[in-house]
PDB file of all heavy atoms in Angstrom:
ATOM      1  N   ALA A   1      -6.614 -44.579  15.911  1.00  0.00           N
ATOM      2  CA  ALA A   1      -7.242 -45.170  14.725  1.00  0.00           C
ATOM      3  C   ALA A   1      -6.586 -44.648  13.449  1.00  0.00           C
ATOM      4  O   ALA A   1      -6.269 -45.418  12.529  1.00  0.00           O
ATOM      5  CB  ALA A   1      -8.729 -44.871  14.726  1.00  0.00           C
ATOM      6  N   LEU A   2      -6.372 -43.335  13.379  1.00  0.00           N
ATOM      7  CA  LEU A   2      -5.714 -42.772  12.204  1.00  0.00           C
ATOM      8  C   LEU A   2      -4.279 -43.283  12.065  1.00  0.00           C
ATOM      9  O   LEU A   2      -3.803 -43.553  10.959  1.00  0.00           O
ATOM     10  CB  LEU A   2      -5.712 -41.249  12.285  1.00  0.00           C
ATOM     11  CG  LEU A   2      -7.032 -40.543  11.980  1.00  0.00           C
ATOM     12  CD1 LEU A   2      -6.928 -39.055  12.302  1.00  0.00           C
ATOM     13  CD2 LEU A   2      -7.438 -40.742  10.527  1.00  0.00           C
ATOM     14  N   SER A   3      -3.601 -43.424  13.194  1.00  0.00           N
ATOM     15  CA  SER A   3      -2.235 -43.938  13.154  1.00  0.00           C
ATOM     16  C   SER A   3      -2.190 -45.351  12.588  1.00  0.00           C
ATOM     17  O   SER A   3      -1.294 -45.690  11.804  1.00  0.00           O
ATOM     18  CB  SER A   3      -1.622 -43.907  14.551  1.00  0.00           C
ATOM     19  OG  SER A   3      -1.505 -42.579  15.019  1.00  0.00           O
ATOM     20  N   LEU A   4      -3.164 -46.179  12.976  1.00  0.00           N
ATOM     21  CA  LEU A   4      -3.205 -47.551  12.460  1.00  0.00           C
ATOM     22  C   LEU A   4      -3.490 -47.574  10.963  1.00  0.00           C
ATOM     23  O   LEU A   4      -2.893 -48.362  10.206  1.00  0.00           O
ATOM     24  CB  LEU A   4      -4.245 -48.364  13.219  1.00  0.00           C
ATOM     25  CG  LEU A   4      -3.884 -48.744  14.659  1.00  0.00           C
ATOM     26  CD1 LEU A   4      -5.069 -49.419  15.345  1.00  0.00           C
ATOM     27  CD2 LEU A   4      -2.671 -49.663  14.688  1.00  0.00           C
ATOM     28  N   LEU A   5      -4.394 -46.716  10.497  1.00  0.00           N
ATOM     29  CA  LEU A   5      -4.676 -46.668   9.062  1.00  0.00           C
ATOM     30  C   LEU A   5      -3.441 -46.200   8.294  1.00  0.00           C
ATOM     31  O   LEU A   5      -3.152 -46.700   7.196  1.00  0.00           O
ATOM     32  CB  LEU A   5      -5.866 -45.747   8.782  1.00  0.00           C
ATOM     33  CG  LEU A   5      -7.237 -46.240   9.226  1.00  0.00           C
ATOM     34  CD1 LEU A   5      -8.323 -45.290   8.733  1.00  0.00           C
ATOM     35  CD2 LEU A   5      -7.524 -47.658   8.716  1.00  0.00           C
ATOM     36  N   ALA A   6      -2.731 -45.237   8.862  1.00  0.00           N
ATOM     37  CA  ALA A   6      -1.512 -44.780   8.204  1.00  0.00           C
ATOM     38  C   ALA A   6      -0.483 -45.905   8.122  1.00  0.00           C
ATOM     39  O   ALA A   6       0.231 -46.039   7.122  1.00  0.00           O
ATOM     40  CB  ALA A   6      -0.932 -43.579   8.953  1.00  0.00           C
ATOM     41  N   GLN A   7      -0.409 -46.731   9.175  1.00  0.00           N
ATOM     42  CA  GLN A   7       0.507 -47.872   9.131  1.00  0.00           C
ATOM     43  C   GLN A   7       0.077 -48.884   8.075  1.00  0.00           C
ATOM     44  O   GLN A   7       0.923 -49.505   7.419  1.00  0.00           O
ATOM     45  CB  GLN A   7       0.573 -48.526  10.506  1.00  0.00           C
ATOM     46  CG  GLN A   7       1.259 -47.667  11.555  1.00  0.00           C
ATOM     47  CD  GLN A   7       1.152 -48.254  12.948  1.00  0.00           C
ATOM     48  OE1 GLN A   7       1.157 -49.475  13.107  1.00  0.00           O
ATOM     49  NE2 GLN A   7       1.044 -47.402  13.943  1.00  0.00           N
ATOM     50  N   ALA A   8      -1.234 -49.044   7.912  1.00  0.00           N
ATOM     51  CA  ALA A   8      -1.722 -49.921   6.847  1.00  0.00           C
ATOM     52  C   ALA A   8      -1.324 -49.366   5.483  1.00  0.00           C
ATOM     53  O   ALA A   8      -0.924 -50.113   4.581  1.00  0.00           O
ATOM     54  CB  ALA A   8      -3.240 -50.068   6.943  1.00  0.00           C
ATOM     55  N   THR A   9      -1.397 -48.054   5.327  1.00  0.00           N
ATOM     56  CA  THR A   9      -0.979 -47.416   4.076  1.00  0.00           C
ATOM     57  C   THR A   9       0.511 -47.620   3.846  1.00  0.00           C
ATOM     58  O   THR A   9       0.949 -47.852   2.716  1.00  0.00           O
ATOM     59  CB  THR A   9      -1.322 -45.921   4.108  1.00  0.00           C
ATOM     60  OG1 THR A   9      -2.749 -45.776   4.237  1.00  0.00           O
ATOM     61  CG2 THR A   9      -0.851 -45.220   2.850  1.00  0.00           C
ATOM     62  N   ALA A  10       1.295 -47.530   4.913  1.00  0.00           N
ATOM     63  CA  ALA A  10       2.733 -47.777   4.775  1.00  0.00           C
ATOM     64  C   ALA A  10       3.001 -49.203   4.314  1.00  0.00           C
ATOM     65  O   ALA A  10       3.957 -49.462   3.576  1.00  0.00           O
ATOM     66  CB  ALA A  10       3.441 -47.503   6.101  1.00  0.00           C
ATOM     67  N   HIS A  11       2.160 -50.134   4.737  1.00  0.00           N
ATOM     68  CA  HIS A  11       2.317 -51.536   4.328  1.00  0.00           C
ATOM     69  C   HIS A  11       1.925 -51.737   2.871  1.00  0.00           C
ATOM     70  O   HIS A  11       2.606 -52.453   2.121  1.00  0.00           O
ATOM     71  CB  HIS A  11       1.458 -52.428   5.226  1.00  0.00           C
ATOM     72  CG  HIS A  11       1.466 -53.873   4.842  1.00  0.00           C
ATOM     73  ND1 HIS A  11       2.516 -54.712   5.130  1.00  0.00           N
ATOM     74  CD2 HIS A  11       0.552 -54.625   4.168  1.00  0.00           C
ATOM     75  CE1 HIS A  11       2.248 -55.927   4.670  1.00  0.00           C
ATOM     76  NE2 HIS A  11       1.073 -55.897   4.068  1.00  0.00           N
ATOM     77  N   ASP A  12       0.847 -51.084   2.447  1.00  0.00           N
ATOM     78  CA  ASP A  12       0.371 -51.221   1.075  1.00  0.00           C
ATOM     79  C   ASP A  12      -0.335 -49.927   0.671  1.00  0.00           C
ATOM     80  O   ASP A  12      -1.525 -49.748   0.916  1.00  0.00           O
ATOM     81  CB  ASP A  12      -0.591 -52.405   0.942  1.00  0.00           C
ATOM     82  CG  ASP A  12      -1.075 -52.606  -0.493  1.00  0.00           C
ATOM     83  OD1 ASP A  12      -0.663 -51.824  -1.373  1.00  0.00           O
ATOM     84  OD2 ASP A  12      -1.873 -53.532  -0.731  1.00  0.00           O
ATOM     85  N   PRO A  13       0.396 -48.996   0.040  1.00  0.00           N
ATOM     86  CA  PRO A  13      -0.213 -47.705  -0.300  1.00  0.00           C
ATOM     87  C   PRO A  13      -1.174 -47.759  -1.479  1.00  0.00           C
ATOM     88  O   PRO A  13      -1.768 -46.734  -1.824  1.00  0.00           O
ATOM     89  CB  PRO A  13       1.013 -46.841  -0.640  1.00  0.00           C
ATOM     90  CG  PRO A  13       2.055 -47.806  -1.076  1.00  0.00           C
ATOM     91  CD  PRO A  13       1.829 -49.053  -0.272  1.00  0.00           C
ATOM     92  N   SER A  14      -1.348 -48.904  -2.081  1.00  0.00           N
ATOM     93  CA  SER A  14      -2.231 -48.991  -3.244  1.00  0.00           C
ATOM     94  C   SER A  14      -3.695 -49.176  -2.865  1.00  0.00           C
ATOM     95  O   SER A  14      -4.564 -49.120  -3.738  1.00  0.00           O
ATOM     96  CB  SER A  14      -1.803 -50.153  -4.144  1.00  0.00           C
ATOM     97  OG  SER A  14      -2.060 -51.406  -3.520  1.00  0.00           O
ATOM     98  N   ARG A  15      -3.992 -49.374  -1.577  1.00  0.00           N
ATOM     99  CA  ARG A  15      -5.369 -49.655  -1.151  1.00  0.00           C
ATOM    100  C   ARG A  15      -5.951 -48.451  -0.422  1.00  0.00           C
ATOM    101  O   ARG A  15      -5.251 -47.767   0.337  1.00  0.00           O
ATOM    102  CB  ARG A  15      -5.408 -50.875  -0.229  1.00  0.00           C
ATOM    103  CG  ARG A  15      -4.644 -52.086  -0.724  1.00  0.00           C
ATOM    104  CD  ARG A  15      -5.155 -52.553  -2.094  1.00  0.00           C
ATOM    105  NE  ARG A  15      -6.536 -52.930  -2.073  1.00  0.00           N
ATOM    106  CZ  ARG A  15      -6.995 -54.103  -1.610  1.00  0.00           C
ATOM    107  NH1 ARG A  15      -6.134 -55.000  -1.136  1.00  0.00           N
ATOM    108  NH2 ARG A  15      -8.275 -54.376  -1.628  1.00  0.00           N
ATOM    109  N   PRO A  16      -7.258 -48.200  -0.580  1.00  0.00           N
ATOM    110  CA  PRO A  16      -7.890 -47.018   0.027  1.00  0.00           C
ATOM    111  C   PRO A  16      -8.277 -47.262   1.489  1.00  0.00           C
ATOM    112  O   PRO A  16      -9.452 -47.181   1.864  1.00  0.00           O
ATOM    113  CB  PRO A  16      -9.123 -46.791  -0.854  1.00  0.00           C
ATOM    114  CG  PRO A  16      -9.502 -48.173  -1.307  1.00  0.00           C
ATOM    115  CD  PRO A  16      -8.200 -48.931  -1.474  1.00  0.00           C
ATOM    116  N   TRP A  17      -7.301 -47.501   2.327  1.00  0.00           N
ATOM    117  CA  TRP A  17      -7.586 -47.845   3.726  1.00  0.00           C
ATOM    118  C   TRP A  17      -8.331 -46.736   4.460  1.00  0.00           C
ATOM    119  O   TRP A  17      -9.160 -47.019   5.337  1.00  0.00           O
ATOM    120  CB  TRP A  17      -6.276 -48.146   4.465  1.00  0.00           C
ATOM    121  CG  TRP A  17      -5.418 -49.182   3.827  1.00  0.00           C
ATOM    122  CD1 TRP A  17      -4.208 -49.008   3.236  1.00  0.00           C
ATOM    123  CD2 TRP A  17      -5.712 -50.582   3.685  1.00  0.00           C
ATOM    124  NE1 TRP A  17      -3.716 -50.186   2.737  1.00  0.00           N
ATOM    125  CE2 TRP A  17      -4.623 -51.181   3.003  1.00  0.00           C
ATOM    126  CE3 TRP A  17      -6.794 -51.396   4.067  1.00  0.00           C
ATOM    127  CZ2 TRP A  17      -4.571 -52.533   2.698  1.00  0.00           C
ATOM    128  CZ3 TRP A  17      -6.737 -52.756   3.761  1.00  0.00           C
ATOM    129  CH2 TRP A  17      -5.651 -53.307   3.090  1.00  0.00           C
ATOM    130  N   ALA A  18      -8.060 -45.480   4.132  1.00  0.00           N
ATOM    131  CA  ALA A  18      -8.657 -44.360   4.874  1.00  0.00           C
ATOM    132  C   ALA A  18      -9.911 -43.797   4.219  1.00  0.00           C
ATOM    133  O   ALA A  18     -10.490 -42.831   4.742  1.00  0.00           O
ATOM    134  CB  ALA A  18      -7.621 -43.243   5.028  1.00  0.00           C
ATOM    135  N   ASP A  19     -10.332 -44.376   3.117  1.00  0.00           N
ATOM    136  CA  ASP A  19     -11.502 -43.848   2.414  1.00  0.00           C
ATOM    137  C   ASP A  19     -12.786 -44.414   3.017  1.00  0.00           C
ATOM    138  O   ASP A  19     -13.545 -45.142   2.368  1.00  0.00           O
ATOM    139  CB  ASP A  19     -11.406 -44.192   0.926  1.00  0.00           C
ATOM    140  CG  ASP A  19     -12.454 -43.457   0.099  1.00  0.00           C
ATOM    141  OD1 ASP A  19     -13.081 -42.520   0.630  1.00  0.00           O
ATOM    142  OD2 ASP A  19     -12.645 -43.841  -1.076  1.00  0.00           O
ATOM    143  N   VAL A  20     -13.010 -44.062   4.282  1.00  0.00           N
ATOM    144  CA  VAL A  20     -14.175 -44.562   5.025  1.00  0.00           C
ATOM    145  C   VAL A  20     -14.875 -43.390   5.690  1.00  0.00           C
ATOM    146  O   VAL A  20     -14.300 -42.302   5.874  1.00  0.00           O
ATOM    147  CB  VAL A  20     -13.754 -45.607   6.082  1.00  0.00           C
ATOM    148  CG1 VAL A  20     -13.284 -46.888   5.411  1.00  0.00           C
ATOM    149  CG2 VAL A  20     -12.668 -45.055   6.985  1.00  0.00           C
ATOM    150  N   ALA A  21     -16.116 -43.619   6.075  1.00  0.00           N
ATOM    151  CA  ALA A  21     -16.967 -42.515   6.533  1.00  0.00           C
ATOM    152  C   ALA A  21     -16.396 -41.777   7.731  1.00  0.00           C
ATOM    153  O   ALA A  21     -16.413 -40.542   7.783  1.00  0.00           O
ATOM    154  CB  ALA A  21     -18.364 -43.053   6.845  1.00  0.00           C
ATOM    155  N   TRP A  22     -15.874 -42.506   8.726  1.00  0.00           N
ATOM    156  CA  TRP A  22     -15.434 -41.817   9.939  1.00  0.00           C
ATOM    157  C   TRP A  22     -14.207 -40.949   9.702  1.00  0.00           C
ATOM    158  O   TRP A  22     -14.029 -39.915  10.370  1.00  0.00           O
ATOM    159  CB  TRP A  22     -15.198 -42.804  11.085  1.00  0.00           C
ATOM    160  CG  TRP A  22     -14.020 -43.733  10.957  1.00  0.00           C
ATOM    161  CD1 TRP A  22     -14.031 -45.009  10.506  1.00  0.00           C
ATOM    162  CD2 TRP A  22     -12.664 -43.431  11.302  1.00  0.00           C
ATOM    163  NE1 TRP A  22     -12.764 -45.541  10.535  1.00  0.00           N
ATOM    164  CE2 TRP A  22     -11.904 -44.607  11.039  1.00  0.00           C
ATOM    165  CE3 TRP A  22     -12.009 -42.319  11.824  1.00  0.00           C
ATOM    166  CZ2 TRP A  22     -10.534 -44.671  11.262  1.00  0.00           C
ATOM    167  CZ3 TRP A  22     -10.633 -42.386  12.041  1.00  0.00           C
ATOM    168  CH2 TRP A  22      -9.921 -43.554  11.771  1.00  0.00           C
ATOM    169  N   VAL A  23     -13.349 -41.334   8.755  1.00  0.00           N
ATOM    170  CA  VAL A  23     -12.192 -40.489   8.440  1.00  0.00           C
ATOM    171  C   VAL A  23     -12.666 -39.191   7.792  1.00  0.00           C
ATOM    172  O   VAL A  23     -12.179 -38.095   8.113  1.00  0.00           O
ATOM    173  CB  VAL A  23     -11.199 -41.229   7.525  1.00  0.00           C
ATOM    174  CG1 VAL A  23     -10.090 -40.283   7.066  1.00  0.00           C
ATOM    175  CG2 VAL A  23     -10.609 -42.431   8.248  1.00  0.00           C
ATOM    176  N   HIS A  24     -13.636 -39.292   6.900  1.00  0.00           N
ATOM    177  CA  HIS A  24     -14.148 -38.090   6.241  1.00  0.00           C
ATOM    178  C   HIS A  24     -14.896 -37.191   7.226  1.00  0.00           C
ATOM    179  O   HIS A  24     -14.982 -35.976   7.007  1.00  0.00           O
ATOM    180  CB  HIS A  24     -15.077 -38.483   5.084  1.00  0.00           C
ATOM    181  CG  HIS A  24     -14.365 -39.129   3.939  1.00  0.00           C
ATOM    182  ND1 HIS A  24     -13.466 -38.465   3.140  1.00  0.00           N
ATOM    183  CD2 HIS A  24     -14.419 -40.405   3.463  1.00  0.00           C
ATOM    184  CE1 HIS A  24     -12.989 -39.293   2.213  1.00  0.00           C
ATOM    185  NE2 HIS A  24     -13.559 -40.482   2.392  1.00  0.00           N
ATOM    186  N   ALA A  25     -15.417 -37.774   8.301  1.00  0.00           N
ATOM    187  CA  ALA A  25     -16.198 -36.994   9.272  1.00  0.00           C
ATOM    188  C   ALA A  25     -15.374 -36.499  10.455  1.00  0.00           C
ATOM    189  O   ALA A  25     -15.867 -35.682  11.250  1.00  0.00           O
ATOM    190  CB  ALA A  25     -17.362 -37.841   9.782  1.00  0.00           C
ATOM    191  N   VAL A  26     -14.148 -36.971  10.597  1.00  0.00           N
ATOM    192  CA  VAL A  26     -13.361 -36.621  11.779  1.00  0.00           C
ATOM    193  C   VAL A  26     -13.103 -35.114  11.828  1.00  0.00           C
ATOM    194  O   VAL A  26     -12.918 -34.460  10.798  1.00  0.00           O
ATOM    195  CB  VAL A  26     -12.030 -37.406  11.793  1.00  0.00           C
ATOM    196  CG1 VAL A  26     -11.077 -36.894  10.733  1.00  0.00           C
ATOM    197  CG2 VAL A  26     -11.386 -37.352  13.157  1.00  0.00           C
ATOM    198  N   ASP A  27     -13.108 -34.568  13.034  1.00  0.00           N
ATOM    199  CA  ASP A  27     -12.827 -33.151  13.243  1.00  0.00           C
ATOM    200  C   ASP A  27     -11.350 -33.006  13.614  1.00  0.00           C
ATOM    201  O   ASP A  27     -10.973 -33.248  14.767  1.00  0.00           O
ATOM    202  CB  ASP A  27     -13.711 -32.598  14.364  1.00  0.00           C
ATOM    203  CG  ASP A  27     -13.435 -31.121  14.644  1.00  0.00           C
ATOM    204  OD1 ASP A  27     -12.648 -30.505  13.888  1.00  0.00           O
ATOM    205  OD2 ASP A  27     -14.003 -30.584  15.616  1.00  0.00           O
ATOM    206  N   PRO A  28     -10.486 -32.599  12.669  1.00  0.00           N
ATOM    207  CA  PRO A  28      -9.055 -32.512  12.986  1.00  0.00           C
ATOM    208  C   PRO A  28      -8.745 -31.458  14.029  1.00  0.00           C
ATOM    209  O   PRO A  28      -7.696 -31.508  14.673  1.00  0.00           O
ATOM    210  CB  PRO A  28      -8.409 -32.172  11.640  1.00  0.00           C
ATOM    211  CG  PRO A  28      -9.500 -31.637  10.796  1.00  0.00           C
ATOM    212  CD  PRO A  28     -10.768 -32.238  11.272  1.00  0.00           C
ATOM    213  N   GLY A  29      -9.653 -30.503  14.215  1.00  0.00           N
ATOM    214  CA  GLY A  29      -9.429 -29.477  15.219  1.00  0.00           C
ATOM    215  C   GLY A  29      -9.403 -30.017  16.635  1.00  0.00           C
ATOM    216  O   GLY A  29      -8.926 -29.334  17.557  1.00  0.00           O
ATOM    217  N   ARG A  30      -9.893 -31.236  16.835  1.00  0.00           N
ATOM    218  CA  ARG A  30      -9.909 -31.841  18.165  1.00  0.00           C
ATOM    219  C   ARG A  30      -8.718 -32.775  18.374  1.00  0.00           C
ATOM    220  O   ARG A  30      -8.647 -33.485  19.380  1.00  0.00           O
ATOM    221  CB  ARG A  30     -11.219 -32.609  18.364  1.00  0.00           C
ATOM    222  CG  ARG A  30     -12.469 -31.725  18.191  1.00  0.00           C
ATOM    223  CD  ARG A  30     -13.727 -32.482  18.448  1.00  0.00           C
ATOM    224  NE  ARG A  30     -13.839 -32.905  19.844  1.00  0.00           N
ATOM    225  CZ  ARG A  30     -14.873 -33.573  20.350  1.00  0.00           C
ATOM    226  NH1 ARG A  30     -15.884 -33.912  19.556  1.00  0.00           N
ATOM    227  NH2 ARG A  30     -14.883 -33.923  21.611  1.00  0.00           N
ATOM    228  N   ILE A  31      -7.792 -32.791  17.414  1.00  0.00           N
ATOM    229  CA  ILE A  31      -6.611 -33.647  17.493  1.00  0.00           C
ATOM    230  C   ILE A  31      -5.387 -32.760  17.632  1.00  0.00           C
ATOM    231  O   ILE A  31      -5.272 -31.720  16.969  1.00  0.00           O
ATOM    232  CB  ILE A  31      -6.497 -34.532  16.233  1.00  0.00           C
ATOM    233  CG1 ILE A  31      -7.752 -35.381  16.045  1.00  0.00           C
ATOM    234  CG2 ILE A  31      -5.269 -35.428  16.311  1.00  0.00           C
ATOM    235  CD1 ILE A  31      -7.760 -36.174  14.747  1.00  0.00           C
ATOM    236  N   ASN A  32      -4.473 -33.161  18.478  1.00  0.00           N
ATOM    237  CA  ASN A  32      -3.218 -32.439  18.605  1.00  0.00           C
ATOM    238  C   ASN A  32      -2.527 -32.395  17.239  1.00  0.00           C
ATOM    239  O   ASN A  32      -2.342 -33.431  16.603  1.00  0.00           O
ATOM    240  CB  ASN A  32      -2.326 -33.149  19.630  1.00  0.00           C
ATOM    241  CG  ASN A  32      -1.067 -32.376  19.952  1.00  0.00           C
ATOM    242  OD1 ASN A  32      -0.415 -31.829  19.065  1.00  0.00           O
ATOM    243  ND2 ASN A  32      -0.706 -32.336  21.225  1.00  0.00           N
ATOM    244  N   PRO A  33      -2.140 -31.204  16.776  1.00  0.00           N
ATOM    245  CA  PRO A  33      -1.511 -31.135  15.442  1.00  0.00           C
ATOM    246  C   PRO A  33      -0.254 -31.988  15.316  1.00  0.00           C
ATOM    247  O   PRO A  33       0.090 -32.436  14.220  1.00  0.00           O
ATOM    248  CB  PRO A  33      -1.207 -29.643  15.266  1.00  0.00           C
ATOM    249  CG  PRO A  33      -1.327 -29.030  16.616  1.00  0.00           C
ATOM    250  CD  PRO A  33      -2.296 -29.874  17.377  1.00  0.00           C
ATOM    251  N   GLU A  34       0.444 -32.235  16.435  1.00  0.00           N
ATOM    252  CA  GLU A  34       1.617 -33.101  16.358  1.00  0.00           C
ATOM    253  C   GLU A  34       1.226 -34.516  15.953  1.00  0.00           C
ATOM    254  O   GLU A  34       1.976 -35.185  15.224  1.00  0.00           O
ATOM    255  CB  GLU A  34       2.345 -33.118  17.700  1.00  0.00           C
ATOM    256  CG  GLU A  34       2.998 -31.782  18.073  1.00  0.00           C
ATOM    257  CD  GLU A  34       3.751 -31.875  19.377  1.00  0.00           C
ATOM    258  OE1 GLU A  34       3.795 -32.984  19.967  1.00  0.00           O
ATOM    259  OE2 GLU A  34       4.319 -30.854  19.811  1.00  0.00           O
ATOM    260  N   HIS A  35       0.078 -34.983  16.441  1.00  0.00           N
ATOM    261  CA  HIS A  35      -0.394 -36.309  16.030  1.00  0.00           C
ATOM    262  C   HIS A  35      -0.737 -36.328  14.545  1.00  0.00           C
ATOM    263  O   HIS A  35      -0.470 -37.309  13.838  1.00  0.00           O
ATOM    264  CB  HIS A  35      -1.599 -36.723  16.861  1.00  0.00           C
ATOM    265  CG  HIS A  35      -1.301 -36.943  18.306  1.00  0.00           C
ATOM    266  ND1 HIS A  35      -0.238 -37.685  18.749  1.00  0.00           N
ATOM    267  CD2 HIS A  35      -1.939 -36.517  19.431  1.00  0.00           C
ATOM    268  CE1 HIS A  35      -0.210 -37.722  20.067  1.00  0.00           C
ATOM    269  NE2 HIS A  35      -1.241 -37.015  20.506  1.00  0.00           N
ATOM    270  N   LEU A  36      -1.342 -35.244  14.064  1.00  0.00           N
ATOM    271  CA  LEU A  36      -1.675 -35.179  12.639  1.00  0.00           C
ATOM    272  C   LEU A  36      -0.405 -35.175  11.790  1.00  0.00           C
ATOM    273  O   LEU A  36      -0.355 -35.803  10.725  1.00  0.00           O
ATOM    274  CB  LEU A  36      -2.495 -33.922  12.361  1.00  0.00           C
ATOM    275  CG  LEU A  36      -3.908 -33.911  12.975  1.00  0.00           C
ATOM    276  CD1 LEU A  36      -4.519 -32.519  12.881  1.00  0.00           C
ATOM    277  CD2 LEU A  36      -4.796 -34.930  12.272  1.00  0.00           C
ATOM    278  N   VAL A  37       0.624 -34.475  12.253  1.00  0.00           N
ATOM    279  CA  VAL A  37       1.899 -34.480  11.542  1.00  0.00           C
ATOM    280  C   VAL A  37       2.446 -35.902  11.459  1.00  0.00           C
ATOM    281  O   VAL A  37       2.915 -36.354  10.404  1.00  0.00           O
ATOM    282  CB  VAL A  37       2.919 -33.551  12.230  1.00  0.00           C
ATOM    283  CG1 VAL A  37       4.323 -33.775  11.659  1.00  0.00           C
ATOM    284  CG2 VAL A  37       2.511 -32.099  12.068  1.00  0.00           C
ATOM    285  N   GLY A  38       2.359 -36.644  12.566  1.00  0.00           N
ATOM    286  CA  GLY A  38       2.852 -38.022  12.572  1.00  0.00           C
ATOM    287  C   GLY A  38       2.120 -38.893  11.567  1.00  0.00           C
ATOM    288  O   GLY A  38       2.739 -39.706  10.858  1.00  0.00           O
ATOM    289  N   VAL A  39       0.797 -38.743  11.484  1.00  0.00           N
ATOM    290  CA  VAL A  39       0.007 -39.510  10.517  1.00  0.00           C
ATOM    291  C   VAL A  39       0.439 -39.166   9.096  1.00  0.00           C
ATOM    292  O   VAL A  39       0.682 -40.057   8.255  1.00  0.00           O
ATOM    293  CB  VAL A  39      -1.495 -39.236  10.705  1.00  0.00           C
ATOM    294  CG1 VAL A  39      -2.308 -39.796   9.539  1.00  0.00           C
ATOM    295  CG2 VAL A  39      -1.991 -39.834  12.016  1.00  0.00           C
ATOM    296  N   LEU A  40       0.543 -37.870   8.800  1.00  0.00           N
ATOM    297  CA  LEU A  40       0.899 -37.456   7.442  1.00  0.00           C
ATOM    298  C   LEU A  40       2.318 -37.877   7.075  1.00  0.00           C
ATOM    299  O   LEU A  40       2.586 -38.236   5.923  1.00  0.00           O
ATOM    300  CB  LEU A  40       0.737 -35.946   7.304  1.00  0.00           C
ATOM    301  CG  LEU A  40      -0.703 -35.421   7.406  1.00  0.00           C
ATOM    302  CD1 LEU A  40      -0.729 -33.902   7.275  1.00  0.00           C
ATOM    303  CD2 LEU A  40      -1.601 -36.061   6.348  1.00  0.00           C
ATOM    304  N   LEU A  41       3.236 -37.855   8.028  1.00  0.00           N
ATOM    305  CA  LEU A  41       4.602 -38.283   7.736  1.00  0.00           C
ATOM    306  C   LEU A  41       4.659 -39.775   7.435  1.00  0.00           C
ATOM    307  O   LEU A  41       5.437 -40.220   6.576  1.00  0.00           O
ATOM    308  CB  LEU A  41       5.528 -37.944   8.898  1.00  0.00           C
ATOM    309  CG  LEU A  41       5.853 -36.461   9.092  1.00  0.00           C
ATOM    310  CD1 LEU A  41       6.813 -36.269  10.255  1.00  0.00           C
ATOM    311  CD2 LEU A  41       6.450 -35.868   7.823  1.00  0.00           C
ATOM    312  N   THR A  42       3.848 -40.561   8.131  1.00  0.00           N
ATOM    313  CA  THR A  42       3.805 -41.992   7.835  1.00  0.00           C
ATOM    314  C   THR A  42       3.303 -42.228   6.421  1.00  0.00           C
ATOM    315  O   THR A  42       3.858 -43.045   5.667  1.00  0.00           O
ATOM    316  CB  THR A  42       2.902 -42.718   8.843  1.00  0.00           C
ATOM    317  OG1 THR A  42       3.403 -42.510  10.163  1.00  0.00           O
ATOM    318  CG2 THR A  42       2.855 -44.209   8.560  1.00  0.00           C
ATOM    319  N   VAL A  43       2.262 -41.505   6.040  1.00  0.00           N
ATOM    320  CA  VAL A  43       1.714 -41.624   4.689  1.00  0.00           C
ATOM    321  C   VAL A  43       2.734 -41.128   3.665  1.00  0.00           C
ATOM    322  O   VAL A  43       2.946 -41.762   2.617  1.00  0.00           O
ATOM    323  CB  VAL A  43       0.394 -40.838   4.574  1.00  0.00           C
ATOM    324  CG1 VAL A  43      -0.112 -40.837   3.133  1.00  0.00           C
ATOM    325  CG2 VAL A  43      -0.656 -41.434   5.504  1.00  0.00           C
ATOM    326  N   LEU A  44       3.372 -39.999   3.967  1.00  0.00           N
ATOM    327  CA  LEU A  44       4.372 -39.428   3.059  1.00  0.00           C
ATOM    328  C   LEU A  44       5.481 -40.428   2.770  1.00  0.00           C
ATOM    329  O   LEU A  44       5.913 -40.592   1.621  1.00  0.00           O
ATOM    330  CB  LEU A  44       4.948 -38.159   3.689  1.00  0.00           C
ATOM    331  CG  LEU A  44       6.124 -37.482   2.986  1.00  0.00           C
ATOM    332  CD1 LEU A  44       5.741 -37.049   1.588  1.00  0.00           C
ATOM    333  CD2 LEU A  44       6.612 -36.284   3.794  1.00  0.00           C
TER     334      LEU A  44
END
């Protein structure tokens, strides 16, 4: 889900695609840090 939102941001970074309740509530400690790096690199 986060990967898809990051791809949406790559398509149009002007829209708040990730500013939703479940993103704010997600526990990053339960995600492999490599996956988090991939999401952040897409956004970057």
